[in-house]
Amino acid sequence: MLKIKDDVDLKELEKFGIKNRFGFFYKSKPKEKEVIELEIDLNTREVKMAGLGDLFHTREDTLYELIKADLVEKV
């Protein structure tokens, strides 16, 4: 399982286009706000990926950016 590190301020996620709504941080596909591609639970900080097809590359890019910024850990 991947999660956002405990010492990371969740506001940092906004720099990656990830928004806070209804107890989750999420990133949607541009122009399709109902299609969630990446979701982060506020309580557990667990990173969940959703979607198939053309969303795959977008969500992988976002996850890569989070890992490169040293915000994600494997638990």
PDB file of N, CA and C in Angstrom:
ATOM      1  N   MET A   1       0.841  -1.166   0.000  1.00  0.00           N
ATOM      2  CA  MET A   1       0.000   0.000   0.000  1.00  0.00           C
ATOM      3  C   MET A   1       0.896   1.241   0.000  1.00  0.00           C
ATOM      4  N   LEU A   2       0.472   2.247  -0.715  1.00  0.00           N
ATOM      5  CA  LEU A   2       1.172   3.526  -0.729  1.00  0.00           C
ATOM      6  C   LEU A   2       0.372   4.537   0.074  1.00  0.00           C
ATOM      7  N   LYS A   3       1.082   5.410   0.781  1.00  0.00           N
ATOM      8  CA  LYS A   3       0.406   6.459   1.531  1.00  0.00           C
ATOM      9  C   LYS A   3       1.269   7.706   1.558  1.00  0.00           C
ATOM     10  N   ILE A   4       0.614   8.821   1.825  1.00  0.00           N
ATOM     11  CA  ILE A   4       1.317  10.079   1.998  1.00  0.00           C
ATOM     12  C   ILE A   4       1.995  10.037   3.362  1.00  0.00           C
ATOM     13  N   LYS A   5       3.242  10.443   3.417  1.00  0.00           N
ATOM     14  CA  LYS A   5       3.997  10.398   4.670  1.00  0.00           C
ATOM     15  C   LYS A   5       3.305  11.232   5.753  1.00  0.00           C
ATOM     16  N   ASP A   6       3.431  10.763   6.996  1.00  0.00           N
ATOM     17  CA  ASP A   6       2.774  11.422   8.127  1.00  0.00           C
ATOM     18  C   ASP A   6       3.261  12.850   8.358  1.00  0.00           C
ATOM     19  N   ASP A   7       4.509  13.128   8.028  1.00  0.00           N
ATOM     20  CA  ASP A   7       5.059  14.466   8.297  1.00  0.00           C
ATOM     21  C   ASP A   7       4.784  15.475   7.178  1.00  0.00           C
ATOM     22  N   VAL A   8       4.021  15.070   6.163  1.00  0.00           N
ATOM     23  CA  VAL A   8       3.710  15.947   5.038  1.00  0.00           C
ATOM     24  C   VAL A   8       2.407  16.691   5.315  1.00  0.00           C
ATOM     25  N   ASP A   9       2.437  18.017   5.155  1.00  0.00           N
ATOM     26  CA  ASP A   9       1.220  18.813   5.250  1.00  0.00           C
ATOM     27  C   ASP A   9       0.386  18.527   4.000  1.00  0.00           C
ATOM     28  N   LEU A  10      -0.848  18.097   4.196  1.00  0.00           N
ATOM     29  CA  LEU A  10      -1.678  17.699   3.057  1.00  0.00           C
ATOM     30  C   LEU A  10      -1.979  18.859   2.107  1.00  0.00           C
ATOM     31  N   LYS A  11      -1.786  20.070   2.542  1.00  0.00           N
ATOM     32  CA  LYS A  11      -1.951  21.231   1.651  1.00  0.00           C
ATOM     33  C   LYS A  11      -0.924  21.194   0.515  1.00  0.00           C
ATOM     34  N   GLU A  12       0.198  20.501   0.738  1.00  0.00           N
ATOM     35  CA  GLU A  12       1.226  20.358  -0.299  1.00  0.00           C
ATOM     36  C   GLU A  12       0.663  19.679  -1.546  1.00  0.00           C
ATOM     37  N   LEU A  13      -0.359  18.844  -1.369  1.00  0.00           N
ATOM     38  CA  LEU A  13      -0.929  18.102  -2.491  1.00  0.00           C
ATOM     39  C   LEU A  13      -1.589  19.020  -3.515  1.00  0.00           C
ATOM     40  N   GLU A  14      -2.014  20.195  -3.071  1.00  0.00           N
ATOM     41  CA  GLU A  14      -2.664  21.136  -3.977  1.00  0.00           C
ATOM     42  C   GLU A  14      -1.712  21.605  -5.075  1.00  0.00           C
ATOM     43  N   LYS A  15      -0.419  21.569  -4.818  1.00  0.00           N
ATOM     44  CA  LYS A  15       0.570  21.951  -5.824  1.00  0.00           C
ATOM     45  C   LYS A  15       0.577  20.984  -7.004  1.00  0.00           C
ATOM     46  N   PHE A  16       0.027  19.789  -6.789  1.00  0.00           N
ATOM     47  CA  PHE A  16      -0.008  18.757  -7.824  1.00  0.00           C
ATOM     48  C   PHE A  16      -1.387  18.640  -8.463  1.00  0.00           C
ATOM     49  N   GLY A  17      -2.265  19.606  -8.189  1.00  0.00           N
ATOM     50  CA  GLY A  17      -3.607  19.597  -8.758  1.00  0.00           C
ATOM     51  C   GLY A  17      -4.570  18.701  -8.014  1.00  0.00           C
ATOM     52  N   ILE A  18      -4.212  18.285  -6.809  1.00  0.00           N
ATOM     53  CA  ILE A  18      -5.052  17.402  -6.008  1.00  0.00           C
ATOM     54  C   ILE A  18      -5.866  18.273  -5.059  1.00  0.00           C
ATOM     55  N   LYS A  19      -7.191  18.100  -5.072  1.00  0.00           N
ATOM     56  CA  LYS A  19      -8.093  18.968  -4.327  1.00  0.00           C
ATOM     57  C   LYS A  19      -8.733  18.243  -3.148  1.00  0.00           C
ATOM     58  N   ASN A  20      -9.078  19.012  -2.123  1.00  0.00           N
ATOM     59  CA  ASN A  20      -9.726  18.477  -0.927  1.00  0.00           C
ATOM     60  C   ASN A  20     -11.240  18.634  -1.067  1.00  0.00           C
ATOM     61  N   ARG A  21     -11.954  17.505  -0.906  1.00  0.00           N
ATOM     62  CA  ARG A  21     -13.414  17.550  -0.983  1.00  0.00           C
ATOM     63  C   ARG A  21     -13.993  16.312  -0.330  1.00  0.00           C
ATOM     64  N   PHE A  22     -14.962  16.503   0.539  1.00  0.00           N
ATOM     65  CA  PHE A  22     -15.714  15.413   1.169  1.00  0.00           C
ATOM     66  C   PHE A  22     -14.831  14.416   1.910  1.00  0.00           C
ATOM     67  N   GLY A  23     -13.782  14.882   2.579  1.00  0.00           N
ATOM     68  CA  GLY A  23     -12.939  13.996   3.372  1.00  0.00           C
ATOM     69  C   GLY A  23     -11.875  13.258   2.589  1.00  0.00           C
ATOM     70  N   PHE A  24     -11.732  13.591   1.328  1.00  0.00           N
ATOM     71  CA  PHE A  24     -10.705  12.984   0.486  1.00  0.00           C
ATOM     72  C   PHE A  24      -9.992  14.067  -0.299  1.00  0.00           C
ATOM     73  N   PHE A  25      -8.742  13.822  -0.602  1.00  0.00           N
ATOM     74  CA  PHE A  25      -8.055  14.624  -1.600  1.00  0.00           C
ATOM     75  C   PHE A  25      -8.179  13.815  -2.883  1.00  0.00           C
ATOM     76  N   TYR A  26      -8.420  14.480  -3.996  1.00  0.00           N
ATOM     77  CA  TYR A  26      -8.576  13.743  -5.245  1.00  0.00           C
ATOM     78  C   TYR A  26      -8.070  14.583  -6.406  1.00  0.00           C
ATOM     79  N   LYS A  27      -7.785  13.915  -7.482  1.00  0.00           N
ATOM     80  CA  LYS A  27      -7.441  14.587  -8.727  1.00  0.00           C
ATOM     81  C   LYS A  27      -8.311  14.002  -9.814  1.00  0.00           C
ATOM     82  N   SER A  28      -8.977  14.856 -10.565  1.00  0.00           N
ATOM     83  CA  SER A  28      -9.830  14.409 -11.654  1.00  0.00           C
ATOM     84  C   SER A  28      -9.164  14.660 -12.986  1.00  0.00           C
ATOM     85  N   LYS A  29      -9.641  13.952 -13.950  1.00  0.00           N
ATOM     86  CA  LYS A  29      -9.172  14.168 -15.309  1.00  0.00           C
ATOM     87  C   LYS A  29      -9.645  15.559 -15.756  1.00  0.00           C
ATOM     88  N   PRO A  30      -8.765  16.356 -16.352  1.00  0.00           N
ATOM     89  CA  PRO A  30      -9.189  17.686 -16.813  1.00  0.00           C
ATOM     90  C   PRO A  30     -10.424  17.612 -17.712  1.00  0.00           C
ATOM     91  N   LYS A  31     -11.329  18.532 -17.518  1.00  0.00           N
ATOM     92  CA  LYS A  31     -12.573  18.653 -18.289  1.00  0.00           C
ATOM     93  C   LYS A  31     -13.589  17.572 -17.953  1.00  0.00           C
ATOM     94  N   GLU A  32     -13.266  16.627 -17.083  1.00  0.00           N
ATOM     95  CA  GLU A  32     -14.216  15.576 -16.695  1.00  0.00           C
ATOM     96  C   GLU A  32     -14.169  15.441 -15.185  1.00  0.00           C
ATOM     97  N   LYS A  33     -14.747  16.391 -14.486  1.00  0.00           N
ATOM     98  CA  LYS A  33     -14.628  16.463 -13.033  1.00  0.00           C
ATOM     99  C   LYS A  33     -15.207  15.254 -12.317  1.00  0.00           C
ATOM    100  N   GLU A  34     -16.105  14.523 -12.953  1.00  0.00           N
ATOM    101  CA  GLU A  34     -16.696  13.359 -12.294  1.00  0.00           C
ATOM    102  C   GLU A  34     -15.816  12.117 -12.365  1.00  0.00           C
ATOM    103  N   VAL A  35     -14.755  12.131 -13.163  1.00  0.00           N
ATOM    104  CA  VAL A  35     -13.871  10.981 -13.319  1.00  0.00           C
ATOM    105  C   VAL A  35     -12.664  11.161 -12.411  1.00  0.00           C
ATOM    106  N   ILE A  36     -12.669  10.467 -11.273  1.00  0.00           N
ATOM    107  CA  ILE A  36     -11.571  10.590 -10.319  1.00  0.00           C
ATOM    108  C   ILE A  36     -10.474   9.610 -10.694  1.00  0.00           C
ATOM    109  N   GLU A  37      -9.256  10.113 -10.799  1.00  0.00           N
ATOM    110  CA  GLU A  37      -8.143   9.252 -11.184  1.00  0.00           C
ATOM    111  C   GLU A  37      -7.228   8.915 -10.017  1.00  0.00           C
ATOM    112  N   LEU A  38      -7.194   9.767  -8.996  1.00  0.00           N
ATOM    113  CA  LEU A  38      -6.325   9.539  -7.853  1.00  0.00           C
ATOM    114  C   LEU A  38      -7.046  10.055  -6.613  1.00  0.00           C
ATOM    115  N   GLU A  39      -7.052   9.251  -5.538  1.00  0.00           N
ATOM    116  CA  GLU A  39      -7.788   9.609  -4.333  1.00  0.00           C
ATOM    117  C   GLU A  39      -6.904   9.343  -3.118  1.00  0.00           C
ATOM    118  N   ILE A  40      -6.939  10.249  -2.145  1.00  0.00           N
ATOM    119  CA  ILE A  40      -6.150  10.100  -0.917  1.00  0.00           C
ATOM    120  C   ILE A  40      -7.077  10.278   0.271  1.00  0.00           C
ATOM    121  N   ASP A  41      -7.181   9.252   1.098  1.00  0.00           N
ATOM    122  CA  ASP A  41      -8.021   9.290   2.291  1.00  0.00           C
ATOM    123  C   ASP A  41      -7.369  10.204   3.323  1.00  0.00           C
ATOM    124  N   LEU A  42      -8.116  11.175   3.844  1.00  0.00           N
ATOM    125  CA  LEU A  42      -7.566  12.125   4.815  1.00  0.00           C
ATOM    126  C   LEU A  42      -7.168  11.471   6.123  1.00  0.00           C
ATOM    127  N   ASN A  43      -7.888  10.443   6.543  1.00  0.00           N
ATOM    128  CA  ASN A  43      -7.599   9.789   7.819  1.00  0.00           C
ATOM    129  C   ASN A  43      -6.404   8.847   7.740  1.00  0.00           C
ATOM    130  N   THR A  44      -6.380   7.993   6.742  1.00  0.00           N
ATOM    131  CA  THR A  44      -5.322   6.992   6.636  1.00  0.00           C
ATOM    132  C   THR A  44      -4.163   7.451   5.755  1.00  0.00           C
ATOM    133  N   ARG A  45      -4.403   8.480   4.935  1.00  0.00           N
ATOM    134  CA  ARG A  45      -3.433   8.996   3.969  1.00  0.00           C
ATOM    135  C   ARG A  45      -3.121   7.989   2.866  1.00  0.00           C
ATOM    136  N   GLU A  46      -3.930   6.959   2.751  1.00  0.00           N
ATOM    137  CA  GLU A  46      -3.733   5.929   1.734  1.00  0.00           C
ATOM    138  C   GLU A  46      -4.021   6.487   0.346  1.00  0.00           C
ATOM    139  N   VAL A  47      -3.150   6.152  -0.600  1.00  0.00           N
ATOM    140  CA  VAL A  47      -3.303   6.582  -1.987  1.00  0.00           C
ATOM    141  C   VAL A  47      -4.016   5.483  -2.749  1.00  0.00           C
ATOM    142  N   LYS A  48      -5.115   5.836  -3.403  1.00  0.00           N
ATOM    143  CA  LYS A  48      -5.871   4.878  -4.212  1.00  0.00           C
ATOM    144  C   LYS A  48      -5.938   5.405  -5.629  1.00  0.00           C
ATOM    145  N   MET A  49      -5.717   4.515  -6.589  1.00  0.00           N
ATOM    146  CA  MET A  49      -5.788   4.906  -7.986  1.00  0.00           C
ATOM    147  C   MET A  49      -7.032   4.290  -8.596  1.00  0.00           C
ATOM    148  N   ALA A  50      -7.670   5.038  -9.483  1.00  0.00           N
ATOM    149  CA  ALA A  50      -8.888   4.567 -10.129  1.00  0.00           C
ATOM    150  C   ALA A  50      -8.769   4.816 -11.622  1.00  0.00           C
ATOM    151  N   GLY A  51      -9.722   4.291 -12.349  1.00  0.00           N
ATOM    152  CA  GLY A  51      -9.791   4.559 -13.776  1.00  0.00           C
ATOM    153  C   GLY A  51      -8.968   3.606 -14.610  1.00  0.00           C
ATOM    154  N   LEU A  52      -9.335   3.542 -15.859  1.00  0.00           N
ATOM    155  CA  LEU A  52      -8.654   2.678 -16.826  1.00  0.00           C
ATOM    156  C   LEU A  52      -8.398   3.452 -18.106  1.00  0.00           C
ATOM    157  N   GLY A  53      -7.798   2.821 -19.024  1.00  0.00           N
ATOM    158  CA  GLY A  53      -7.604   3.421 -20.343  1.00  0.00           C
ATOM    159  C   GLY A  53      -6.715   4.647 -20.307  1.00  0.00           C
ATOM    160  N   ASP A  54      -7.222   5.751 -20.873  1.00  0.00           N
ATOM    161  CA  ASP A  54      -6.402   6.954 -21.001  1.00  0.00           C
ATOM    162  C   ASP A  54      -6.083   7.586 -19.653  1.00  0.00           C
ATOM    163  N   LEU A  55      -6.800   7.210 -18.596  1.00  0.00           N
ATOM    164  CA  LEU A  55      -6.494   7.735 -17.268  1.00  0.00           C
ATOM    165  C   LEU A  55      -5.210   7.134 -16.718  1.00  0.00           C
ATOM    166  N   PHE A  56      -4.831   5.975 -17.206  1.00  0.00           N
ATOM    167  CA  PHE A  56      -3.675   5.277 -16.656  1.00  0.00           C
ATOM    168  C   PHE A  56      -2.434   6.157 -16.674  1.00  0.00           C
ATOM    169  N   HIS A  57      -2.126   6.747 -17.792  1.00  0.00           N
ATOM    170  CA  HIS A  57      -0.904   7.549 -17.891  1.00  0.00           C
ATOM    171  C   HIS A  57      -0.974   8.796 -17.019  1.00  0.00           C
ATOM    172  N   THR A  58      -2.135   9.421 -16.966  1.00  0.00           N
ATOM    173  CA  THR A  58      -2.284  10.631 -16.155  1.00  0.00           C
ATOM    174  C   THR A  58      -2.092  10.326 -14.686  1.00  0.00           C
ATOM    175  N   ARG A  59      -2.711   9.264 -14.191  1.00  0.00           N
ATOM    176  CA  ARG A  59      -2.588   8.946 -12.770  1.00  0.00           C
ATOM    177  C   ARG A  59      -1.181   8.469 -12.437  1.00  0.00           C
ATOM    178  N   GLU A  60      -0.556   7.739 -13.346  1.00  0.00           N
ATOM    179  CA  GLU A  60       0.818   7.302 -13.123  1.00  0.00           C
ATOM    180  C   GLU A  60       1.760   8.506 -13.076  1.00  0.00           C
ATOM    181  N   ASP A  61       1.528   9.476 -13.924  1.00  0.00           N
ATOM    182  CA  ASP A  61       2.357  10.683 -13.905  1.00  0.00           C
ATOM    183  C   ASP A  61       2.203  11.426 -12.585  1.00  0.00           C
ATOM    184  N   THR A  62       0.985  11.549 -12.105  1.00  0.00           N
ATOM    185  CA  THR A  62       0.736  12.242 -10.839  1.00  0.00           C
ATOM    186  C   THR A  62       1.392  11.498  -9.689  1.00  0.00           C
ATOM    187  N   LEU A  63       1.236  10.193  -9.657  1.00  0.00           N
ATOM    188  CA  LEU A  63       1.847   9.396  -8.595  1.00  0.00           C
ATOM    189  C   LEU A  63       3.371   9.515  -8.656  1.00  0.00           C
ATOM    190  N   TYR A  64       3.930   9.491  -9.853  1.00  0.00           N
ATOM    191  CA  TYR A  64       5.377   9.644 -10.015  1.00  0.00           C
ATOM    192  C   TYR A  64       5.844  10.994  -9.464  1.00  0.00           C
ATOM    193  N   GLU A  65       5.088  12.052  -9.740  1.00  0.00           N
ATOM    194  CA  GLU A  65       5.437  13.380  -9.239  1.00  0.00           C
ATOM    195  C   GLU A  65       5.424  13.411  -7.713  1.00  0.00           C
ATOM    196  N   LEU A  66       4.448  12.750  -7.087  1.00  0.00           N
ATOM    197  CA  LEU A  66       4.367  12.694  -5.625  1.00  0.00           C
ATOM    198  C   LEU A  66       5.549  11.921  -5.038  1.00  0.00           C
ATOM    199  N   ILE A  67       5.914  10.821  -5.673  1.00  0.00           N
ATOM    200  CA  ILE A  67       7.042  10.019  -5.209  1.00  0.00           C
ATOM    201  C   ILE A  67       8.341  10.804  -5.390  1.00  0.00           C
ATOM    202  N   LYS A  68       8.496  11.453  -6.524  1.00  0.00           N
ATOM    203  CA  LYS A  68       9.706  12.227  -6.786  1.00  0.00           C
ATOM    204  C   LYS A  68       9.867  13.365  -5.779  1.00  0.00           C
ATOM    205  N   ALA A  69       8.754  13.936  -5.326  1.00  0.00           N
ATOM    206  CA  ALA A  69       8.785  15.018  -4.337  1.00  0.00           C
ATOM    207  C   ALA A  69       8.956  14.475  -2.921  1.00  0.00           C
ATOM    208  N   ASP A  70       9.107  13.153  -2.797  1.00  0.00           N
ATOM    209  CA  ASP A  70       9.321  12.481  -1.512  1.00  0.00           C
ATOM    210  C   ASP A  70       8.145  12.653  -0.537  1.00  0.00           C
ATOM    211  N   LEU A  71       6.926  12.583  -1.091  1.00  0.00           N
ATOM    212  CA  LEU A  71       5.712  12.705  -0.284  1.00  0.00           C
ATOM    213  C   LEU A  71       5.058  11.365   0.010  1.00  0.00           C
ATOM    214  N   VAL A  72       5.484  10.316  -0.693  1.00  0.00           N
ATOM    215  CA  VAL A  72       4.831   9.007  -0.620  1.00  0.00           C
ATOM    216  C   VAL A  72       5.782   7.975  -0.019  1.00  0.00           C
ATOM    217  N   GLU A  73       5.188   7.048   0.759  1.00  0.00           N
ATOM    218  CA  GLU A  73       5.955   5.926   1.291  1.00  0.00           C
ATOM    219  C   GLU A  73       5.156   4.640   1.093  1.00  0.00           C
ATOM    220  N   LYS A  74       5.863   3.530   1.055  1.00  0.00           N
ATOM    221  CA  LYS A  74       5.239   2.221   0.949  1.00  0.00           C
ATOM    222  C   LYS A  74       5.119   1.649   2.362  1.00  0.00           C
ATOM    223  N   VAL A  75       3.912   1.192   2.697  1.00  0.00           N
ATOM    224  CA  VAL A  75       3.693   0.592   4.022  1.00  0.00           C
ATOM    225  C   VAL A  75       3.105  -0.783   3.897  1.00  0.00           C
TER     226      VAL A  75
END
